[in-house]
C-alpha atoms as a PDB file:
ATOM      1  CA  MET A   1      29.970 -15.886  11.308  1.00  0.00           C
ATOM      2  CA  GLU A   2      29.427 -17.217   7.794  1.00  0.00           C
ATOM      3  CA  PHE A   3      25.944 -15.697   7.931  1.00  0.00           C
ATOM      4  CA  PHE A   4      27.383 -12.200   8.383  1.00  0.00           C
ATOM      5  CA  ASN A   5      30.410 -12.710   6.141  1.00  0.00           C
ATOM      6  CA  SER A   6      28.198 -13.429   3.137  1.00  0.00           C
ATOM      7  CA  ALA A   7      26.255 -10.248   3.760  1.00  0.00           C
ATOM      8  CA  LEU A   8      28.900  -7.872   5.082  1.00  0.00           C
ATOM      9  CA  GLY A   9      32.244  -9.206   3.904  1.00  0.00           C
ATOM     10  CA  LYS A  10      34.434  -6.402   2.570  1.00  0.00           C
ATOM     11  CA  ASN A  11      36.892  -8.499   0.589  1.00  0.00           C
ATOM     12  CA  ILE A  12      34.348 -10.608  -1.227  1.00  0.00           C
ATOM     13  CA  SER A  13      33.648  -9.924  -4.908  1.00  0.00           C
ATOM     14  CA  PHE A  14      30.096 -10.314  -6.174  1.00  0.00           C
ATOM     15  CA  VAL A  15      28.846 -11.201  -9.633  1.00  0.00           C
ATOM     16  CA  HIS A  16      26.015  -8.871 -10.604  1.00  0.00           C
ATOM     17  CA  PRO A  17      24.173  -9.446 -13.895  1.00  0.00           C
ATOM     18  CA  ALA A  18      23.736  -6.664 -16.406  1.00  0.00           C
ATOM     19  CA  TYR A  19      19.981  -7.188 -16.290  1.00  0.00           C
ATOM     20  CA  PHE A  20      17.117  -9.316 -14.977  1.00  0.00           C
ATOM     21  CA  ILE A  21      14.297 -10.748 -17.094  1.00  0.00           C
ATOM     22  CA  ILE A  22      10.700 -10.526 -15.818  1.00  0.00           C
ATOM     23  CA  SER A  23       8.766 -13.641 -16.838  1.00  0.00           C
ATOM     24  CA  GLY A  24       5.198 -12.481 -16.189  1.00  0.00           C
ATOM     25  CA  PHE A  25       2.387 -14.850 -17.147  1.00  0.00           C
ATOM     26  CA  ILE A  26       3.210 -18.163 -18.770  1.00  0.00           C
ATOM     27  CA  GLY A  27       1.111 -19.719 -21.524  1.00  0.00           C
ATOM     28  CA  ILE A  28      -1.935 -17.419 -21.360  1.00  0.00           C
ATOM     29  CA  PRO A  29      -3.129 -16.147 -24.758  1.00  0.00           C
ATOM     30  CA  ASN A  30      -4.247 -12.522 -25.194  1.00  0.00           C
ATOM     31  CA  ILE A  31      -2.858 -11.638 -21.770  1.00  0.00           C
ATOM     32  CA  LYS A  32      -2.170  -8.090 -22.969  1.00  0.00           C
ATOM     33  CA  PHE A  33      -5.844  -7.327 -22.415  1.00  0.00           C
ATOM     34  CA  TYR A  34      -5.251  -7.926 -18.696  1.00  0.00           C
ATOM     35  CA  TYR A  35      -2.562  -5.242 -18.666  1.00  0.00           C
ATOM     36  CA  VAL A  36      -4.914  -2.866 -20.489  1.00  0.00           C
ATOM     37  CA  PHE A  37      -7.420  -3.566 -17.702  1.00  0.00           C
ATOM     38  CA  LEU A  38      -4.738  -2.710 -15.127  1.00  0.00           C
ATOM     39  CA  PHE A  39      -4.162   0.567 -16.975  1.00  0.00           C
ATOM     40  CA  PHE A  40      -7.825   1.575 -16.580  1.00  0.00           C
ATOM     41  CA  VAL A  41      -7.692   0.586 -12.899  1.00  0.00           C
ATOM     42  CA  TYR A  42      -4.611   2.803 -12.578  1.00  0.00           C
ATOM     43  CA  VAL A  43      -6.378   5.768 -14.211  1.00  0.00           C
ATOM     44  CA  VAL A  44      -9.313   5.468 -11.786  1.00  0.00           C
ATOM     45  CA  SER A  45      -6.845   5.187  -8.897  1.00  0.00           C
ATOM     46  CA  VAL A  46      -4.965   8.327  -9.936  1.00  0.00           C
ATOM     47  CA  LEU A  47      -8.169  10.341 -10.355  1.00  0.00           C
ATOM     48  CA  GLY A  48      -9.704   9.083  -7.113  1.00  0.00           C
ATOM     49  CA  ASN A  49      -6.686   9.590  -4.877  1.00  0.00           C
ATOM     50  CA  THR A  50      -5.892  12.975  -6.412  1.00  0.00           C
ATOM     51  CA  ALA A  51      -9.492  14.018  -5.754  1.00  0.00           C
ATOM     52  CA  VAL A  52      -9.342  12.869  -2.107  1.00  0.00           C
ATOM     53  CA  MET A  53      -6.081  14.763  -1.511  1.00  0.00           C
ATOM     54  CA  ALA A  54      -7.499  17.864  -3.215  1.00  0.00           C
ATOM     55  CA  VAL A  55     -10.692  17.781  -1.123  1.00  0.00           C
ATOM     56  CA  ILE A  56      -8.751  17.410   2.139  1.00  0.00           C
ATOM     57  CA  TYR A  57      -6.347  20.193   1.135  1.00  0.00           C
ATOM     58  CA  LEU A  58      -9.075  22.624   0.006  1.00  0.00           C
ATOM     59  CA  ASP A  59     -11.542  22.091   2.871  1.00  0.00           C
ATOM     60  CA  HIS A  60     -10.220  23.488   6.149  1.00  0.00           C
ATOM     61  CA  ASN A  61     -12.840  21.451   8.039  1.00  0.00           C
ATOM     62  CA  LEU A  62     -10.935  18.309   7.023  1.00  0.00           C
ATOM     63  CA  ARG A  63      -7.680  19.324   8.717  1.00  0.00           C
ATOM     64  CA  ALA A  64      -8.405  17.020  11.679  1.00  0.00           C
ATOM     65  CA  PRO A  65      -5.619  14.521  12.542  1.00  0.00           C
ATOM     66  CA  LYS A  66      -7.645  11.627  11.140  1.00  0.00           C
ATOM     67  CA  TYR A  67      -7.732  13.187   7.677  1.00  0.00           C
ATOM     68  CA  ILE A  68      -3.999  13.823   7.717  1.00  0.00           C
ATOM     69  CA  MET A  69      -3.682  10.032   7.902  1.00  0.00           C
ATOM     70  CA  VAL A  70      -6.261   9.657   5.108  1.00  0.00           C
ATOM     71  CA  PHE A  71      -4.290  12.168   3.022  1.00  0.00           C
ATOM     72  CA  ASN A  72      -1.123  10.129   3.580  1.00  0.00           C
ATOM     73  CA  LEU A  73      -2.973   6.945   2.596  1.00  0.00           C
ATOM     74  CA  ALA A  74      -4.139   8.576  -0.647  1.00  0.00           C
ATOM     75  CA  PHE A  75      -0.610   9.831  -1.334  1.00  0.00           C
ATOM     76  CA  VAL A  76       0.877   6.358  -0.769  1.00  0.00           C
ATOM     77  CA  ASP A  77      -1.788   4.791  -3.008  1.00  0.00           C
ATOM     78  CA  LEU A  78      -1.075   7.311  -5.753  1.00  0.00           C
ATOM     79  CA  PHE A  79       2.698   6.976  -5.399  1.00  0.00           C
ATOM     80  CA  GLY A  80       2.586   3.174  -5.214  1.00  0.00           C
ATOM     81  CA  SER A  81       0.326   2.784  -8.239  1.00  0.00           C
ATOM     82  CA  SER A  82       2.512   5.172 -10.232  1.00  0.00           C
ATOM     83  CA  ALA A  83       5.624   3.220  -9.252  1.00  0.00           C
ATOM     84  CA  LEU A  84       4.137  -0.140 -10.278  1.00  0.00           C
ATOM     85  CA  VAL A  85       1.584   0.086 -13.098  1.00  0.00           C
ATOM     86  CA  PRO A  86       3.399   2.275 -15.686  1.00  0.00           C
ATOM     87  CA  LYS A  87       6.451   0.029 -15.359  1.00  0.00           C
ATOM     88  CA  LEU A  88       4.279  -3.084 -15.772  1.00  0.00           C
ATOM     89  CA  LEU A  89       2.804  -1.641 -18.944  1.00  0.00           C
ATOM     90  CA  ASP A  90       6.271  -0.838 -20.248  1.00  0.00           C
ATOM     91  CA  ILE A  91       7.510  -4.375 -19.477  1.00  0.00           C
ATOM     92  CA  PHE A  92       4.622  -6.416 -20.834  1.00  0.00           C
ATOM     93  CA  LEU A  93       2.713  -4.258 -23.325  1.00  0.00           C
ATOM     94  CA  PHE A  94       5.876  -2.939 -25.001  1.00  0.00           C
ATOM     95  CA  ASP A  95       7.883  -6.109 -24.349  1.00  0.00           C
ATOM     96  CA  HIS A  96      10.720  -4.522 -22.366  1.00  0.00           C
ATOM     97  CA  ARG A  97      11.279  -7.527 -20.106  1.00  0.00           C
ATOM     98  CA  TYR A  98      15.006  -6.931 -19.735  1.00  0.00           C
ATOM     99  CA  ILE A  99      15.511  -4.639 -16.725  1.00  0.00           C
ATOM    100  CA  PRO A 100      18.993  -3.359 -15.807  1.00  0.00           C
ATOM    101  CA  TYR A 101      20.244  -4.630 -12.448  1.00  0.00           C
ATOM    102  CA  ASN A 102      20.175  -1.255 -10.633  1.00  0.00           C
ATOM    103  CA  ASP A 103      16.808  -0.319 -12.138  1.00  0.00           C
ATOM    104  CA  CYS A 104      15.346  -3.599 -10.910  1.00  0.00           C
ATOM    105  CA  LEU A 105      16.485  -3.004  -7.332  1.00  0.00           C
ATOM    106  CA  THR A 106      15.134   0.567  -7.476  1.00  0.00           C
ATOM    107  CA  PHE A 107      11.813  -0.767  -8.799  1.00  0.00           C
ATOM    108  CA  LEU A 108      11.742  -3.272  -5.912  1.00  0.00           C
ATOM    109  CA  PHE A 109      12.485  -0.569  -3.338  1.00  0.00           C
ATOM    110  CA  PHE A 110       9.633   1.738  -4.362  1.00  0.00           C
ATOM    111  CA  CYS A 111       7.094  -1.091  -4.735  1.00  0.00           C
ATOM    112  CA  TYR A 112       7.885  -2.628  -1.351  1.00  0.00           C
ATOM    113  CA  THR A 113       8.003   0.750   0.382  1.00  0.00           C
ATOM    114  CA  CYS A 114       4.550   1.771  -0.834  1.00  0.00           C
ATOM    115  CA  LEU A 115       2.942  -1.636  -0.216  1.00  0.00           C
ATOM    116  CA  SER A 116       4.374  -1.660   3.316  1.00  0.00           C
ATOM    117  CA  MET A 117       3.218   1.899   4.011  1.00  0.00           C
ATOM    118  CA  GLN A 118      -0.339   0.867   3.148  1.00  0.00           C
ATOM    119  CA  THR A 119      -0.409  -1.588   6.056  1.00  0.00           C
ATOM    120  CA  LEU A 120       1.039   0.941   8.504  1.00  0.00           C
ATOM    121  CA  ASN A 121      -1.457   3.574   7.369  1.00  0.00           C
ATOM    122  CA  LEU A 122      -4.221   1.109   8.221  1.00  0.00           C
ATOM    123  CA  VAL A 123      -2.632   0.710  11.670  1.00  0.00           C
ATOM    124  CA  GLY A 124      -2.685   4.496  12.132  1.00  0.00           C
ATOM    125  CA  LEU A 125      -6.338   4.747  11.111  1.00  0.00           C
ATOM    126  CA  CYS A 126      -7.156   1.832  13.411  1.00  0.00           C
ATOM    127  CA  TYR A 127      -5.493   3.616  16.328  1.00  0.00           C
ATOM    128  CA  ASP A 128      -7.606   6.689  15.555  1.00  0.00           C
ATOM    129  CA  ARG A 129     -10.826   4.625  15.748  1.00  0.00           C
ATOM    130  CA  LEU A 130      -9.640   2.838  18.890  1.00  0.00           C
ATOM    131  CA  ILE A 131      -9.039   6.081  20.801  1.00  0.00           C
ATOM    132  CA  ALA A 132     -12.214   7.724  19.434  1.00  0.00           C
ATOM    133  CA  ILE A 133     -14.427   4.891  20.706  1.00  0.00           C
ATOM    134  CA  ILE A 134     -12.624   3.737  23.854  1.00  0.00           C
ATOM    135  CA  PHE A 135     -11.463   7.153  25.112  1.00  0.00           C
ATOM    136  CA  PRO A 136     -13.823   9.671  23.456  1.00  0.00           C
ATOM    137  CA  LEU A 137     -13.278  12.330  26.129  1.00  0.00           C
ATOM    138  CA  HIS A 138      -9.505  12.152  25.729  1.00  0.00           C
ATOM    139  CA  TYR A 139      -9.501  11.863  21.917  1.00  0.00           C
ATOM    140  CA  HIS A 140      -8.362  15.430  21.213  1.00  0.00           C
ATOM    141  CA  LEU A 141      -5.619  15.118  23.822  1.00  0.00           C
ATOM    142  CA  LYS A 142      -4.271  11.792  22.556  1.00  0.00           C
ATOM    143  CA  VAL A 143      -4.768  12.218  18.778  1.00  0.00           C
ATOM    144  CA  THR A 144      -3.196  15.583  17.994  1.00  0.00           C
ATOM    145  CA  HIS A 145      -1.723  16.981  14.802  1.00  0.00           C
ATOM    146  CA  ARG A 146       1.756  16.706  16.276  1.00  0.00           C
ATOM    147  CA  PHE A 147       1.224  13.069  17.248  1.00  0.00           C
ATOM    148  CA  ILE A 148      -0.140  12.115  13.800  1.00  0.00           C
ATOM    149  CA  PHE A 149       2.690  13.866  11.949  1.00  0.00           C
ATOM    150  CA  SER A 150       5.201  12.118  14.211  1.00  0.00           C
ATOM    151  CA  LEU A 151       3.475   8.771  13.673  1.00  0.00           C
ATOM    152  CA  ILE A 152       3.452   9.150   9.879  1.00  0.00           C
ATOM    153  CA  ALA A 153       7.106  10.241   9.861  1.00  0.00           C
ATOM    154  CA  SER A 154       8.089   7.239  12.019  1.00  0.00           C
ATOM    155  CA  PHE A 155       6.205   4.909   9.662  1.00  0.00           C
ATOM    156  CA  TRP A 156       8.087   6.269   6.643  1.00  0.00           C
ATOM    157  CA  VAL A 157      11.479   6.092   8.374  1.00  0.00           C
ATOM    158  CA  PHE A 158      10.862   2.538   9.614  1.00  0.00           C
ATOM    159  CA  VAL A 159       9.648   1.220   6.242  1.00  0.00           C
ATOM    160  CA  ILE A 160      12.436   2.876   4.249  1.00  0.00           C
ATOM    161  CA  PHE A 161      15.034   1.567   6.704  1.00  0.00           C
ATOM    162  CA  VAL A 162      13.730  -2.031   6.585  1.00  0.00           C
ATOM    163  CA  VAL A 163      13.322  -2.107   2.793  1.00  0.00           C
ATOM    164  CA  LEU A 164      16.793  -0.568   2.317  1.00  0.00           C
ATOM    165  CA  ILE A 165      18.238  -3.417   4.397  1.00  0.00           C
ATOM    166  CA  ALA A 166      16.452  -5.953   2.180  1.00  0.00           C
ATOM    167  CA  VAL A 167      17.718  -4.272  -1.001  1.00  0.00           C
ATOM    168  CA  GLY A 168      21.206  -3.865   0.454  1.00  0.00           C
ATOM    169  CA  LEU A 169      21.430  -7.581   1.227  1.00  0.00           C
ATOM    170  CA  LEU A 170      20.509  -8.366  -2.388  1.00  0.00           C
ATOM    171  CA  THR A 171      23.561  -6.417  -3.536  1.00  0.00           C
ATOM    172  CA  ARG A 172      25.703  -8.908  -1.563  1.00  0.00           C
ATOM    173  CA  LEU A 173      24.507 -11.789  -3.738  1.00  0.00           C
ATOM    174  CA  SER A 174      26.133 -13.244  -6.852  1.00  0.00           C
ATOM    175  CA  PHE A 175      24.053 -14.352  -9.825  1.00  0.00           C
ATOM    176  CA  CYS A 176      25.909 -16.909 -11.911  1.00  0.00           C
ATOM    177  CA  LYS A 177      23.161 -18.764 -13.766  1.00  0.00           C
ATOM    178  CA  SER A 178      19.556 -17.727 -14.348  1.00  0.00           C
ATOM    179  CA  VAL A 179      18.441 -14.094 -14.323  1.00  0.00           C
ATOM    180  CA  LEU A 180      14.766 -14.926 -14.953  1.00  0.00           C
ATOM    181  CA  ILE A 181      12.438 -13.554 -12.234  1.00  0.00           C
ATOM    182  CA  ASN A 182       9.246 -15.618 -12.037  1.00  0.00           C
ATOM    183  CA  SER A 183       6.966 -12.734 -11.144  1.00  0.00           C
ATOM    184  CA  PHE A 184       5.363  -9.617 -12.622  1.00  0.00           C
ATOM    185  CA  PHE A 185       7.848  -7.213 -11.018  1.00  0.00           C
ATOM    186  CA  CYS A 186      11.249  -7.290  -9.306  1.00  0.00           C
ATOM    187  CA  ASP A 187      10.091  -9.481  -6.442  1.00  0.00           C
ATOM    188  CA  HIS A 188      12.511  -9.820  -3.514  1.00  0.00           C
ATOM    189  CA  GLY A 189      11.670 -13.468  -2.852  1.00  0.00           C
ATOM    190  CA  GLN A 190      12.182 -14.461  -6.467  1.00  0.00           C
ATOM    191  CA  ILE A 191      15.454 -12.531  -6.829  1.00  0.00           C
ATOM    192  CA  TYR A 192      17.390 -13.915  -3.862  1.00  0.00           C
ATOM    193  CA  LYS A 193      16.466 -17.478  -4.870  1.00  0.00           C
ATOM    194  CA  LEU A 194      18.481 -16.956  -8.080  1.00  0.00           C
ATOM    195  CA  ALA A 195      21.715 -16.361  -6.139  1.00  0.00           C
ATOM    196  CA  CYS A 196      24.595 -18.829  -6.416  1.00  0.00           C
ATOM    197  CA  ASN A 197      26.308 -17.822  -3.140  1.00  0.00           C
ATOM    198  CA  ASP A 198      24.993 -17.916   0.425  1.00  0.00           C
ATOM    199  CA  SER A 199      21.624 -16.170   0.508  1.00  0.00           C
ATOM    200  CA  SER A 200      20.872 -16.851   4.186  1.00  0.00           C
ATOM    201  CA  PRO A 201      20.661 -13.132   5.176  1.00  0.00           C
ATOM    202  CA  SER A 202      18.191 -12.432   2.351  1.00  0.00           C
ATOM    203  CA  PHE A 203      16.224 -15.554   3.291  1.00  0.00           C
ATOM    204  CA  ALA A 204      16.059 -14.325   6.893  1.00  0.00           C
ATOM    205  CA  ILE A 205      14.878 -10.845   5.889  1.00  0.00           C
ATOM    206  CA  SER A 206      12.287 -12.401   3.545  1.00  0.00           C
ATOM    207  CA  LYS A 207      10.791 -14.146   6.583  1.00  0.00           C
ATOM    208  CA  LEU A 208      11.107 -11.090   8.828  1.00  0.00           C
ATOM    209  CA  LEU A 209       9.490  -8.580   6.441  1.00  0.00           C
ATOM    210  CA  PRO A 210       6.033 -10.253   6.389  1.00  0.00           C
ATOM    211  CA  VAL A 211       6.090 -10.480  10.183  1.00  0.00           C
ATOM    212  CA  LEU A 212       6.964  -6.807  10.645  1.00  0.00           C
ATOM    213  CA  LEU A 213       4.876  -5.363   7.815  1.00  0.00           C
ATOM    214  CA  ILE A 214       1.908  -7.725   7.497  1.00  0.00           C
ATOM    215  CA  TRP A 215       1.344 -10.023  10.476  1.00  0.00           C
ATOM    216  CA  LEU A 216       2.092  -7.601  13.328  1.00  0.00           C
ATOM    217  CA  PRO A 217      -0.021  -4.771  11.815  1.00  0.00           C
ATOM    218  CA  LEU A 218      -2.845  -7.235  11.171  1.00  0.00           C
ATOM    219  CA  MET A 219      -2.658  -8.565  14.741  1.00  0.00           C
ATOM    220  CA  PHE A 220      -2.788  -5.010  16.101  1.00  0.00           C
ATOM    221  CA  ILE A 221      -5.841  -4.241  13.973  1.00  0.00           C
ATOM    222  CA  LEU A 222      -7.648  -7.469  14.941  1.00  0.00           C
ATOM    223  CA  PHE A 223      -6.988  -7.063  18.675  1.00  0.00           C
ATOM    224  CA  SER A 224      -8.019  -3.400  18.477  1.00  0.00           C
ATOM    225  CA  TYR A 225     -11.358  -4.288  16.941  1.00  0.00           C
ATOM    226  CA  LEU A 226     -11.901  -7.097  19.446  1.00  0.00           C
ATOM    227  CA  TYR A 227     -11.350  -4.530  22.180  1.00  0.00           C
ATOM    228  CA  ILE A 228     -13.689  -2.090  20.407  1.00  0.00           C
ATOM    229  CA  ALA A 229     -16.357  -4.815  20.107  1.00  0.00           C
ATOM    230  CA  TYR A 230     -15.978  -5.619  23.815  1.00  0.00           C
ATOM    231  CA  ALA A 231     -16.279  -1.928  24.715  1.00  0.00           C
ATOM    232  CA  LEU A 232     -19.357  -1.484  22.499  1.00  0.00           C
ATOM    233  CA  SER A 233     -21.004  -4.516  24.122  1.00  0.00           C
ATOM    234  CA  LYS A 234     -21.017  -2.514  27.364  1.00  0.00           C
ATOM    235  CA  VAL A 235     -22.873   0.396  25.777  1.00  0.00           C
ATOM    236  CA  ALA A 236     -26.466   0.601  26.964  1.00  0.00           C
ATOM    237  CA  THR A 237     -28.418   0.917  23.706  1.00  0.00           C
ATOM    238  CA  VAL A 238     -28.209  -0.822  20.342  1.00  0.00           C
ATOM    239  CA  GLN A 239     -28.446   2.530  18.554  1.00  0.00           C
ATOM    240  CA  GLU A 240     -25.289   3.774  20.255  1.00  0.00           C
ATOM    241  CA  ARG A 241     -23.465   0.578  19.300  1.00  0.00           C
ATOM    242  CA  VAL A 242     -24.520   0.884  15.669  1.00  0.00           C
ATOM    243  CA  LYS A 243     -23.606   4.574  15.565  1.00  0.00           C
ATOM    244  CA  ALA A 244     -20.139   3.883  16.955  1.00  0.00           C
ATOM    245  CA  PHE A 245     -19.575   0.893  14.678  1.00  0.00           C
ATOM    246  CA  LYS A 246     -20.551   2.890  11.574  1.00  0.00           C
ATOM    247  CA  THR A 247     -17.506   5.095  12.123  1.00  0.00           C
ATOM    248  CA  CYS A 248     -15.346   1.974  11.623  1.00  0.00           C
ATOM    249  CA  THR A 249     -16.965   0.577   8.458  1.00  0.00           C
ATOM    250  CA  ALA A 250     -14.749   2.497   6.023  1.00  0.00           C
ATOM    251  CA  HIS A 251     -11.583   1.351   7.768  1.00  0.00           C
ATOM    252  CA  LEU A 252     -12.771  -2.264   8.067  1.00  0.00           C
ATOM    253  CA  SER A 253     -13.538  -2.275   4.340  1.00  0.00           C
ATOM    254  CA  LEU A 254      -9.990  -1.113   3.561  1.00  0.00           C
ATOM    255  CA  VAL A 255      -8.522  -3.776   5.867  1.00  0.00           C
ATOM    256  CA  ALA A 256     -10.527  -6.541   4.178  1.00  0.00           C
ATOM    257  CA  ILE A 257      -9.665  -5.360   0.656  1.00  0.00           C
ATOM    258  CA  TYR A 258      -5.953  -5.173   1.417  1.00  0.00           C
ATOM    259  CA  PHE A 259      -5.313  -8.159   3.667  1.00  0.00           C
ATOM    260  CA  ILE A 260      -7.586 -10.932   2.333  1.00  0.00           C
ATOM    261  CA  PRO A 261      -5.809 -11.394  -1.053  1.00  0.00           C
ATOM    262  CA  ILE A 262      -2.386 -11.226   0.631  1.00  0.00           C
ATOM    263  CA  LEU A 263      -3.367 -13.784   3.268  1.00  0.00           C
ATOM    264  CA  ILE A 264      -4.661 -16.131   0.562  1.00  0.00           C
ATOM    265  CA  THR A 265      -1.359 -15.835  -1.306  1.00  0.00           C
ATOM    266  CA  PHE A 266       0.761 -16.429   1.804  1.00  0.00           C
ATOM    267  CA  THR A 267      -1.277 -19.314   3.233  1.00  0.00           C
ATOM    268  CA  MET A 268      -1.800 -21.130  -0.071  1.00  0.00           C
ATOM    269  CA  SER A 269       1.391 -20.178  -1.924  1.00  0.00           C
ATOM    270  CA  SER A 270       2.468 -23.815  -2.431  1.00  0.00           C
ATOM    271  CA  LYS A 271      -0.912 -24.737  -3.951  1.00  0.00           C
ATOM    272  CA  ILE A 272      -1.365 -21.695  -6.198  1.00  0.00           C
ATOM    273  CA  HIS A 273      -0.178 -21.872  -9.815  1.00  0.00           C
ATOM    274  CA  PRO A 274       2.444 -19.197 -10.645  1.00  0.00           C
ATOM    275  CA  ASN A 275      -0.049 -17.486 -12.948  1.00  0.00           C
ATOM    276  CA  GLY A 276      -2.634 -17.461 -10.161  1.00  0.00           C
ATOM    277  CA  ARG A 277      -0.078 -15.999  -7.779  1.00  0.00           C
ATOM    278  CA  ILE A 278       0.727 -13.212 -10.240  1.00  0.00           C
ATOM    279  CA  ILE A 279      -2.956 -12.395 -10.755  1.00  0.00           C
ATOM    280  CA  ASN A 280      -3.617 -12.378  -7.017  1.00  0.00           C
ATOM    281  CA  LEU A 281      -0.611 -10.210  -6.154  1.00  0.00           C
ATOM    282  CA  SER A 282      -1.109  -7.809  -9.050  1.00  0.00           C
ATOM    283  CA  LEU A 283      -4.786  -7.267  -8.226  1.00  0.00           C
ATOM    284  CA  SER A 284      -4.030  -6.860  -4.507  1.00  0.00           C
ATOM    285  CA  SER A 285      -1.444  -4.223  -5.495  1.00  0.00           C
ATOM    286  CA  VAL A 286      -3.685  -2.130  -7.763  1.00  0.00           C
ATOM    287  CA  PHE A 287      -7.242  -2.651  -6.472  1.00  0.00           C
ATOM    288  CA  PRO A 288      -6.896  -1.193  -2.938  1.00  0.00           C
ATOM    289  CA  PRO A 289      -5.483   2.115  -4.271  1.00  0.00           C
ATOM    290  CA  MET A 290      -8.461   2.324  -6.639  1.00  0.00           C
ATOM    291  CA  LEU A 291     -11.110   1.393  -4.053  1.00  0.00           C
ATOM    292  CA  ASN A 292      -9.753   3.310  -1.051  1.00  0.00           C
ATOM    293  CA  PRO A 293     -10.857   6.794  -2.240  1.00  0.00           C
ATOM    294  CA  ILE A 294     -14.241   5.443  -3.378  1.00  0.00           C
ATOM    295  CA  ILE A 295     -14.847   3.854   0.028  1.00  0.00           C
ATOM    296  CA  TYR A 296     -13.831   6.973   1.932  1.00  0.00           C
ATOM    297  CA  VAL A 297     -16.014   9.241  -0.208  1.00  0.00           C
ATOM    298  CA  LEU A 298     -19.053   6.948   0.061  1.00  0.00           C
ATOM    299  CA  GLN A 299     -18.726   5.949   3.727  1.00  0.00           C
ATOM    300  CA  THR A 300     -17.290   9.070   5.382  1.00  0.00           C
ATOM    301  CA  GLN A 301     -19.951  11.691   5.982  1.00  0.00           C
ATOM    302  CA  GLU A 302     -17.483  14.579   6.388  1.00  0.00           C
ATOM    303  CA  ILE A 303     -15.824  13.912   3.029  1.00  0.00           C
ATOM    304  CA  LYS A 304     -19.190  13.522   1.287  1.00  0.00           C
ATOM    305  CA  GLU A 305     -20.353  16.847   2.700  1.00  0.00           C
ATOM    306  CA  SER A 306     -17.084  18.468   1.687  1.00  0.00           C
ATOM    307  CA  VAL A 307     -17.372  17.193  -1.893  1.00  0.00           C
ATOM    308  CA  LYS A 308     -20.952  18.495  -2.109  1.00  0.00           C
ATOM    309  CA  LYS A 309     -19.867  21.870  -0.722  1.00  0.00           C
ATOM    310  CA  LEU A 310     -16.984  22.183  -3.188  1.00  0.00           C
ATOM    311  CA  PHE A 311     -19.255  21.325  -6.127  1.00  0.00           C
ATOM    312  CA  LYS A 312     -21.820  23.846  -4.852  1.00  0.00           C
ATOM    313  CA  ILE A 313     -19.169  26.578  -4.601  1.00  0.00           C
ATOM    314  CA  ARG A 314     -17.940  25.777  -8.091  1.00  0.00           C
ATOM    315  CA  LYS A 315     -21.503  25.876  -9.456  1.00  0.00           C
ATOM    316  CA  GLN A 316     -22.158  29.233  -7.809  1.00  0.00           C
ATOM    317  CA  HIS A 317     -18.884  30.573  -9.190  1.00  0.00           C
ATOM    318  CA  LYS A 318     -19.908  29.549 -12.719  1.00  0.00           C
ATOM    319  CA  ILE A 319     -23.311  31.240 -12.342  1.00  0.00           C
ATOM    320  CA  MET A 320     -21.742  34.479 -11.086  1.00  0.00           C
ATOM    321  CA  THR A 321     -19.160  34.409 -13.889  1.00  0.00           C
ATOM    322  CA  LYS A 322     -21.932  33.905 -16.440  1.00  0.00           C
ATOM    323  CA  LYS A 323     -23.926  36.833 -15.020  1.00  0.00           C
ATOM    324  CA  ALA A 324     -20.845  39.044 -15.024  1.00  0.00           C
ATOM    325  CA  ASN A 325     -20.193  38.227 -18.674  1.00  0.00           C
ATOM    326  CA  MET A 326     -23.808  39.055 -19.568  1.00  0.00           C
ATOM    327  CA  LYS A 327     -23.390  42.547 -18.083  1.00  0.00           C
END
């Protein structure tokens, strides 16, 4: 019962600090140039994801269920980058390392929600490829607009619910000594370790979150592609195998870009220097949102054709406007 009393006790008073301090990098000269680099990555991310959403919205040929999921991925990337990078620049470039308690928990909520939604979006896109290759004749019956909207909505509800539990448990902690967070943002794992009362519920949720939002999605994706590979091995010709596999290359690229840095951090966390951990986590937070739209534009034929068509329409509109002005 002590486990639940520390988290849910109604008659327990908690000591909440006025603020937390974000440590960031330790002992690295001229580190502000790294944050300037993150700013340029953020600008490219905003432009790229905005462009992908605009193309999908403007081209009615891209209203297929798959591209609704791609639109949601671009939205999450844009939202997540905007929640993280501007605040990082404010903290470290303008030296505002003191973050009010409530602001820190809000910062944590939005960062964790968007990072978690990225993994579930990859699960949704993986399911799309799985059905398209394994059950091509039933694809339009199984992957409908209604199903995709329901899937996306369930992802959002699940992630928000889980992250709210994690944030809620942090509010049941008392902070009596240090308020220094050894990270580049309001990191859940670093915050609950500062508590001076029983932090067992937060410790438990810190172990559960990676399982629910990283390991299980990754296992689903890996087993799906093993099944896809097995199914493709039964296809008669090599050309058909290559053609089917090409439809998965964009998604596989996104999976590799997102999961590899996170897996390195989790599996080697005890051996990585705190500065190395910050670099790895910060890059894995900002690079996928920048690269995702580039990968989808370069590797998805429908989006490439749509971009060309939109540029062609715009060019023709300029020519007609110019001719009209000459008259």
